[in-house]
C-alpha atoms as a PDB file:
ATOM      1  CA  UNK A   1     -11.572  18.375   8.543  1.00  0.00           C
ATOM      2  CA  UNK A   2     -15.840  17.777   9.277  1.00  0.00           C
ATOM      3  CA  UNK A   3     -15.225  14.544   7.519  1.00  0.00           C
ATOM      4  CA  UNK A   4     -12.042  13.455   8.764  1.00  0.00           C
ATOM      5  CA  UNK A   5     -13.703  14.049  12.239  1.00  0.00           C
ATOM      6  CA  UNK A   6     -16.377  11.811  11.729  1.00  0.00           C
ATOM      7  CA  UNK A   7     -13.981   8.983  11.145  1.00  0.00           C
ATOM      8  CA  UNK A   8     -12.464   9.727  13.853  1.00  0.00           C
ATOM      9  CA  UNK A   9     -12.248   9.293  18.097  1.00  0.00           C
ATOM     10  CA  UNK A  10     -10.385  12.173  19.163  1.00  0.00           C
ATOM     11  CA  UNK A  11     -11.579  15.972  19.264  1.00  0.00           C
ATOM     12  CA  UNK A  12      -9.307  16.930  16.377  1.00  0.00           C
ATOM     13  CA  UNK A  13      -8.745  21.113  16.642  1.00  0.00           C
ATOM     14  CA  UNK A  14      -7.427  22.975  13.411  1.00  0.00           C
ATOM     15  CA  UNK A  15      -4.481  24.110  14.152  1.00  0.00           C
ATOM     16  CA  UNK A  16      -3.559  28.350  13.290  1.00  0.00           C
ATOM     17  CA  UNK A  17      -1.119  27.155  11.089  1.00  0.00           C
ATOM     18  CA  UNK A  18      -0.732  24.178   8.539  1.00  0.00           C
ATOM     19  CA  UNK A  19       2.770  23.229   6.056  1.00  0.00           C
ATOM     20  CA  UNK A  20       1.815  22.295   2.706  1.00  0.00           C
ATOM     21  CA  UNK A  21       2.862  18.929   3.474  1.00  0.00           C
ATOM     22  CA  UNK A  22      -0.109  18.696   6.133  1.00  0.00           C
ATOM     23  CA  UNK A  23      -3.065  20.574   3.996  1.00  0.00           C
ATOM     24  CA  UNK A  24      -1.880  17.386   1.683  1.00  0.00           C
ATOM     25  CA  UNK A  25      -2.112  14.682   4.226  1.00  0.00           C
ATOM     26  CA  UNK A  26      -5.528  15.796   5.246  1.00  0.00           C
ATOM     27  CA  UNK A  27      -7.268  16.407   2.360  1.00  0.00           C
ATOM     28  CA  UNK A  28      -5.474  12.930   1.046  1.00  0.00           C
ATOM     29  CA  UNK A  29      -7.142  11.393   4.229  1.00  0.00           C
ATOM     30  CA  UNK A  30     -10.702  13.702   3.469  1.00  0.00           C
ATOM     31  CA  UNK A  31     -10.784  12.100  -0.177  1.00  0.00           C
ATOM     32  CA  UNK A  32      -9.797   7.870   1.269  1.00  0.00           C
ATOM     33  CA  UNK A  33     -13.138   8.043   3.710  1.00  0.00           C
ATOM     34  CA  UNK A  34     -15.367   9.479   1.450  1.00  0.00           C
ATOM     35  CA  UNK A  35     -14.565   6.857  -0.541  1.00  0.00           C
ATOM     36  CA  UNK A  36     -13.187   7.685  -3.044  1.00  0.00           C
ATOM     37  CA  UNK A  37      -9.257   6.345  -4.528  1.00  0.00           C
ATOM     38  CA  UNK A  38      -6.410   9.097  -3.755  1.00  0.00           C
ATOM     39  CA  UNK A  39      -2.979   8.579  -6.514  1.00  0.00           C
ATOM     40  CA  UNK A  40       0.462   9.778  -4.472  1.00  0.00           C
ATOM     41  CA  UNK A  41       4.205   8.656  -5.205  1.00  0.00           C
ATOM     42  CA  UNK A  42       6.234   6.344  -3.326  1.00  0.00           C
ATOM     43  CA  UNK A  43       9.634   5.240  -2.651  1.00  0.00           C
ATOM     44  CA  UNK A  44      11.601   1.744  -2.274  1.00  0.00           C
ATOM     45  CA  UNK A  45      11.153   0.400   0.199  1.00  0.00           C
ATOM     46  CA  UNK A  46      12.205  -3.916   1.814  1.00  0.00           C
ATOM     47  CA  UNK A  47       9.834  -6.248   3.320  1.00  0.00           C
ATOM     48  CA  UNK A  48      10.248  -9.434   5.307  1.00  0.00           C
ATOM     49  CA  UNK A  49       9.079 -12.347   3.269  1.00  0.00           C
ATOM     50  CA  UNK A  50       6.605 -14.838   5.755  1.00  0.00           C
ATOM     51  CA  UNK A  51       7.215 -17.572   5.984  1.00  0.00           C
ATOM     52  CA  UNK A  52       3.830 -19.269   4.103  1.00  0.00           C
ATOM     53  CA  UNK A  53       3.907 -16.537   1.631  1.00  0.00           C
ATOM     54  CA  UNK A  54       7.047 -17.832  -0.207  1.00  0.00           C
ATOM     55  CA  UNK A  55       6.468 -15.707  -3.215  1.00  0.00           C
ATOM     56  CA  UNK A  56       9.497 -16.807  -5.714  1.00  0.00           C
ATOM     57  CA  UNK A  57      10.687 -13.185  -6.297  1.00  0.00           C
ATOM     58  CA  UNK A  58      14.001 -12.415  -8.777  1.00  0.00           C
ATOM     59  CA  UNK A  59      15.987  -9.189  -8.983  1.00  0.00           C
ATOM     60  CA  UNK A  60      14.913  -7.492 -12.253  1.00  0.00           C
ATOM     61  CA  UNK A  61      11.143  -9.009 -11.824  1.00  0.00           C
ATOM     62  CA  UNK A  62       8.635  -6.565 -12.125  1.00  0.00           C
ATOM     63  CA  UNK A  63       5.685  -7.487 -10.600  1.00  0.00           C
ATOM     64  CA  UNK A  64       2.031  -6.024  -8.811  1.00  0.00           C
ATOM     65  CA  UNK A  65       2.072  -5.026  -5.174  1.00  0.00           C
ATOM     66  CA  UNK A  66      -0.919  -4.326  -2.606  1.00  0.00           C
ATOM     67  CA  UNK A  67       0.487  -3.073   0.372  1.00  0.00           C
ATOM     68  CA  UNK A  68      -1.670  -1.875   3.534  1.00  0.00           C
ATOM     69  CA  UNK A  69      -0.742   0.789   5.683  1.00  0.00           C
ATOM     70  CA  UNK A  70      -2.561   2.544   8.765  1.00  0.00           C
ATOM     71  CA  UNK A  71      -4.324   5.713   7.697  1.00  0.00           C
ATOM     72  CA  UNK A  72      -2.299   8.828   9.862  1.00  0.00           C
ATOM     73  CA  UNK A  73      -2.698  12.521  10.116  1.00  0.00           C
ATOM     74  CA  UNK A  74      -1.052  14.776  12.458  1.00  0.00           C
ATOM     75  CA  UNK A  75      -2.245  18.187  13.686  1.00  0.00           C
ATOM     76  CA  UNK A  76      -0.315  19.977  16.241  1.00  0.00           C
ATOM     77  CA  UNK A  77       2.373  17.364  16.656  1.00  0.00           C
ATOM     78  CA  UNK A  78       0.029  14.919  17.609  1.00  0.00           C
ATOM     79  CA  UNK A  79      -0.883  11.609  15.102  1.00  0.00           C
ATOM     80  CA  UNK A  80      -4.214  10.745  14.680  1.00  0.00           C
ATOM     81  CA  UNK A  81      -5.629   6.877  13.161  1.00  0.00           C
ATOM     82  CA  UNK A  82      -8.109   7.043  10.804  1.00  0.00           C
ATOM     83  CA  UNK A  83      -8.813   3.511   9.632  1.00  0.00           C
ATOM     84  CA  UNK A  84      -5.867   2.019   6.827  1.00  0.00           C
ATOM     85  CA  UNK A  85      -5.231   1.787   3.571  1.00  0.00           C
ATOM     86  CA  UNK A  86      -4.114  -0.086   1.098  1.00  0.00           C
ATOM     87  CA  UNK A  87      -1.692   1.184  -1.912  1.00  0.00           C
ATOM     88  CA  UNK A  88      -1.198  -0.334  -4.833  1.00  0.00           C
ATOM     89  CA  UNK A  89       2.212  -0.602  -6.593  1.00  0.00           C
ATOM     90  CA  UNK A  90       3.451  -1.132 -10.256  1.00  0.00           C
ATOM     91  CA  UNK A  91       7.768  -2.028  -8.590  1.00  0.00           C
ATOM     92  CA  UNK A  92      10.576  -3.492  -9.903  1.00  0.00           C
ATOM     93  CA  UNK A  93      12.677  -5.452  -7.671  1.00  0.00           C
ATOM     94  CA  UNK A  94      15.685  -4.475  -6.195  1.00  0.00           C
ATOM     95  CA  UNK A  95      17.141  -7.428  -4.473  1.00  0.00           C
ATOM     96  CA  UNK A  96      16.189 -10.443  -2.786  1.00  0.00           C
ATOM     97  CA  UNK A  97      18.324 -11.771   0.139  1.00  0.00           C
ATOM     98  CA  UNK A  98      16.731 -14.534   2.060  1.00  0.00           C
ATOM     99  CA  UNK A  99      13.510 -13.430   3.921  1.00  0.00           C
ATOM    100  CA  UNK A 100      13.940  -9.597   2.609  1.00  0.00           C
ATOM    101  CA  UNK A 101      12.717  -8.252  -0.581  1.00  0.00           C
ATOM    102  CA  UNK A 102      13.531  -4.607  -1.945  1.00  0.00           C
ATOM    103  CA  UNK A 103      11.340  -2.857  -4.022  1.00  0.00           C
ATOM    104  CA  UNK A 104      11.487   0.244  -6.214  1.00  0.00           C
ATOM    105  CA  UNK A 105       8.874   1.677  -8.230  1.00  0.00           C
ATOM    106  CA  UNK A 106       8.062   0.777 -12.098  1.00  0.00           C
ATOM    107  CA  UNK A 107       9.238   3.687 -14.136  1.00  0.00           C
ATOM    108  CA  UNK A 108      10.408   7.423 -12.498  1.00  0.00           C
ATOM    109  CA  UNK A 109       6.738   8.587 -13.146  1.00  0.00           C
ATOM    110  CA  UNK A 110       5.222   5.628 -11.052  1.00  0.00           C
ATOM    111  CA  UNK A 111       2.089   6.165  -9.233  1.00  0.00           C
ATOM    112  CA  UNK A 112       0.160   4.291  -6.022  1.00  0.00           C
ATOM    113  CA  UNK A 113      -3.013   5.120  -6.014  1.00  0.00           C
ATOM    114  CA  UNK A 114      -4.630   4.087  -2.381  1.00  0.00           C
ATOM    115  CA  UNK A 115      -7.903   2.721  -1.342  1.00  0.00           C
ATOM    116  CA  UNK A 116      -9.902   2.826   2.563  1.00  0.00           C
ATOM    117  CA  UNK A 117      -8.977  -0.745   2.996  1.00  0.00           C
ATOM    118  CA  UNK A 118     -10.064  -3.600   6.230  1.00  0.00           C
ATOM    119  CA  UNK A 119      -7.792  -6.093   7.399  1.00  0.00           C
ATOM    120  CA  UNK A 120      -4.217  -6.615   8.476  1.00  0.00           C
ATOM    121  CA  UNK A 121      -2.191  -3.685   8.720  1.00  0.00           C
ATOM    122  CA  UNK A 122       1.668  -4.111   6.905  1.00  0.00           C
ATOM    123  CA  UNK A 123       0.253  -6.701   4.846  1.00  0.00           C
ATOM    124  CA  UNK A 124       2.472  -7.249   1.867  1.00  0.00           C
ATOM    125  CA  UNK A 125       0.004  -9.347  -1.372  1.00  0.00           C
ATOM    126  CA  UNK A 126       2.547  -9.346  -4.522  1.00  0.00           C
ATOM    127  CA  UNK A 127       0.355 -10.311  -8.017  1.00  0.00           C
ATOM    128  CA  UNK A 128       1.698 -13.879  -9.481  1.00  0.00           C
ATOM    129  CA  UNK A 129       4.688 -13.652 -11.987  1.00  0.00           C
ATOM    130  CA  UNK A 130       3.760 -15.562 -15.711  1.00  0.00           C
ATOM    131  CA  UNK A 131       5.421 -18.607 -14.667  1.00  0.00           C
ATOM    132  CA  UNK A 132       3.457 -19.094 -11.330  1.00  0.00           C
ATOM    133  CA  UNK A 133       0.291 -18.565 -12.922  1.00  0.00           C
ATOM    134  CA  UNK A 134       0.504 -20.774 -16.107  1.00  0.00           C
ATOM    135  CA  UNK A 135       2.161 -23.073 -13.002  1.00  0.00           C
ATOM    136  CA  UNK A 136      -0.475 -27.052 -13.486  1.00  0.00           C
ATOM    137  CA  UNK A 137      -3.290 -26.650 -10.836  1.00  0.00           C
ATOM    138  CA  UNK A 138      -3.742 -29.962  -8.724  1.00  0.00           C
ATOM    139  CA  UNK A 139      -6.221 -30.673 -11.216  1.00  0.00           C
ATOM    140  CA  UNK A 140      -3.618 -30.653 -14.037  1.00  0.00           C
ATOM    141  CA  UNK A 141      -4.865 -27.921 -15.762  1.00  0.00           C
ATOM    142  CA  UNK A 142      -2.787 -25.151 -16.727  1.00  0.00           C
ATOM    143  CA  UNK A 143      -5.171 -22.381 -16.720  1.00  0.00           C
ATOM    144  CA  UNK A 144      -6.222 -22.898 -13.699  1.00  0.00           C
ATOM    145  CA  UNK A 145     -10.038 -23.350 -12.054  1.00  0.00           C
ATOM    146  CA  UNK A 146     -12.826 -24.443 -14.227  1.00  0.00           C
END
């Protein structure tokens, strides 16, 4: 709790009891705040493609994704914001419906690697597919800039 308190402007009070889930979140937050990576499972989710991003995604594609989200813990019913994390995921594109993309874990044992991050909240980055990475650069070079 000392590590977490150093990163919070809130006065954190240790509850008389913590559930296993709350304790797991406290330990993960402390790990991340000390600059270490944490590994966790993740659930399928949807996101909306930003009009300026427009990645080419097709259902069934396997992609690498980075997602930023708030790092919060809940103690005694109060939520405390501690910073932001980036989660790196191996995902499968379940569906693409207009600007909405649905992702699920690449395999049943897939884990997300989470690290402390800075930047825009709730942002999703998608790694280029093989087809996109071999697209000629503006200078005509298929291997990217030299």
